[in-house]
């Protein structure tokens, strides 16, 4: 829901949202920036900024199920993540 609400309610450009959700936290935590390089493993998030979806309890991956967005339709959806070589797809 964070990605979707950022797309739908902040008025920021997609590139700015991605920057703020990826590199900005690393900078604040004084962690080095990640670079994609040939032959190196990458942790990636695959998303569709135009996808429309409805927030349902089953779609929440958090341990907490309370969300002000339950039953709401949002734009922008995470489709899959690749982390440490494991792919997780989201319906």
Protein backbone atom coordinates (compact mmCIF):
# COMPACT_ATOMS: atom_id res chain seq x y z
CA UNK A 1 0.00 0.00 0.00
CA UNK A 2 2.93 2.36 0.57
CA UNK A 3 3.94 2.30 -3.08
CA UNK A 4 0.34 2.68 -4.27
CA UNK A 5 -0.47 5.56 -1.95
CA UNK A 6 2.76 7.31 -2.95
CA UNK A 7 1.70 7.07 -6.60
CA UNK A 8 -1.91 8.03 -5.97
CA UNK A 9 -1.66 10.76 -3.34
CA UNK A 10 1.73 12.49 -3.30
CA UNK A 11 1.82 14.07 -6.75
CA UNK A 12 5.47 13.01 -7.07
CA UNK A 13 6.96 11.66 -10.30
CA UNK A 14 7.53 7.89 -10.39
CA UNK A 15 11.31 8.34 -10.49
CA UNK A 16 11.16 10.48 -7.33
CA UNK A 17 9.02 7.90 -5.52
CA UNK A 18 11.44 5.11 -6.41
CA UNK A 19 14.39 7.23 -5.26
CA UNK A 20 12.68 8.08 -1.96
CA UNK A 21 11.76 4.45 -1.29
CA UNK A 22 15.15 2.98 -2.22
CA UNK A 23 18.20 5.25 -2.01
CA UNK A 24 16.94 7.83 0.49
CA UNK A 25 16.54 5.34 3.39
CA UNK A 26 20.03 3.97 2.68
CA UNK A 27 21.45 7.50 2.79
CA UNK A 28 19.67 8.29 6.08
CA UNK A 29 21.05 5.06 7.59
CA UNK A 30 24.51 5.86 6.19
CA UNK A 31 24.55 2.69 4.08
CA UNK A 32 26.32 2.59 0.74
CA UNK A 33 24.23 2.94 -2.41
CA UNK A 34 23.55 -0.24 -4.34
CA UNK A 35 24.75 -0.50 -7.92
CA UNK A 36 23.51 -3.00 -10.48
CA UNK A 37 26.50 -4.66 -12.11
CA UNK A 38 26.94 -7.59 -14.48
CA UNK A 39 27.51 -10.88 -12.68
CA UNK A 40 26.31 -9.58 -9.30
CA UNK A 41 23.17 -10.75 -7.52
CA UNK A 42 20.50 -8.08 -7.31
CA UNK A 43 17.54 -7.55 -5.02
CA UNK A 44 14.75 -6.14 -7.15
CA UNK A 45 11.11 -5.12 -6.94
CA UNK A 46 9.02 -5.51 -10.08
CA UNK A 47 6.04 -3.19 -10.25
CA UNK A 48 3.36 -1.84 -12.54
CA UNK A 49 2.61 1.83 -11.79
CA UNK A 50 -0.61 1.68 -13.86
CA UNK A 51 -2.10 -1.49 -12.31
CA UNK A 52 -5.31 -0.97 -10.37
CA UNK A 53 -6.08 -3.23 -7.42
CA UNK A 54 -8.30 -3.47 -4.36
CA UNK A 55 -6.82 -3.70 -0.88
CA UNK A 56 -8.14 -6.80 0.85
CA UNK A 57 -7.13 -8.44 4.09
CA UNK A 58 -5.60 -11.35 2.12
CA UNK A 59 -3.36 -8.95 0.17
CA UNK A 60 -1.73 -7.54 3.31
CA UNK A 61 1.63 -9.24 3.97
CA UNK A 62 2.16 -7.53 7.32
CA UNK A 63 1.43 -9.17 10.68
CA UNK A 64 -1.05 -6.34 11.29
CA UNK A 65 -4.27 -6.33 9.29
CA UNK A 66 -5.63 -2.91 10.21
CA UNK A 67 -5.38 -0.55 7.31
CA UNK A 68 -7.35 2.55 6.37
CA UNK A 69 -7.20 1.29 2.77
CA UNK A 70 -9.15 -1.97 3.25
CA UNK A 71 -11.78 -2.14 0.52
CA UNK A 72 -10.25 0.81 -1.36
CA UNK A 73 -9.05 0.71 -4.95
CA UNK A 74 -5.48 1.90 -5.47
CA UNK A 75 -3.26 2.45 -8.50
CA UNK A 76 0.28 1.04 -8.68
CA UNK A 77 1.04 -2.54 -7.68
CA UNK A 78 4.08 -4.54 -6.65
CA UNK A 79 4.09 -7.67 -8.84
CA UNK A 80 7.11 -9.53 -7.48
CA UNK A 81 10.29 -9.23 -5.48
CA UNK A 82 13.63 -10.93 -6.02
CA UNK A 83 15.64 -11.07 -2.82
CA UNK A 84 18.76 -13.17 -2.27
CA UNK A 85 17.90 -15.26 -5.32
CA UNK A 86 14.34 -16.03 -4.20
CA UNK A 87 11.40 -14.73 -6.19
CA UNK A 88 8.08 -13.95 -4.52
CA UNK A 89 5.10 -13.11 -6.71
CA UNK A 90 2.10 -11.14 -5.49
CA UNK A 91 -1.37 -11.73 -6.87
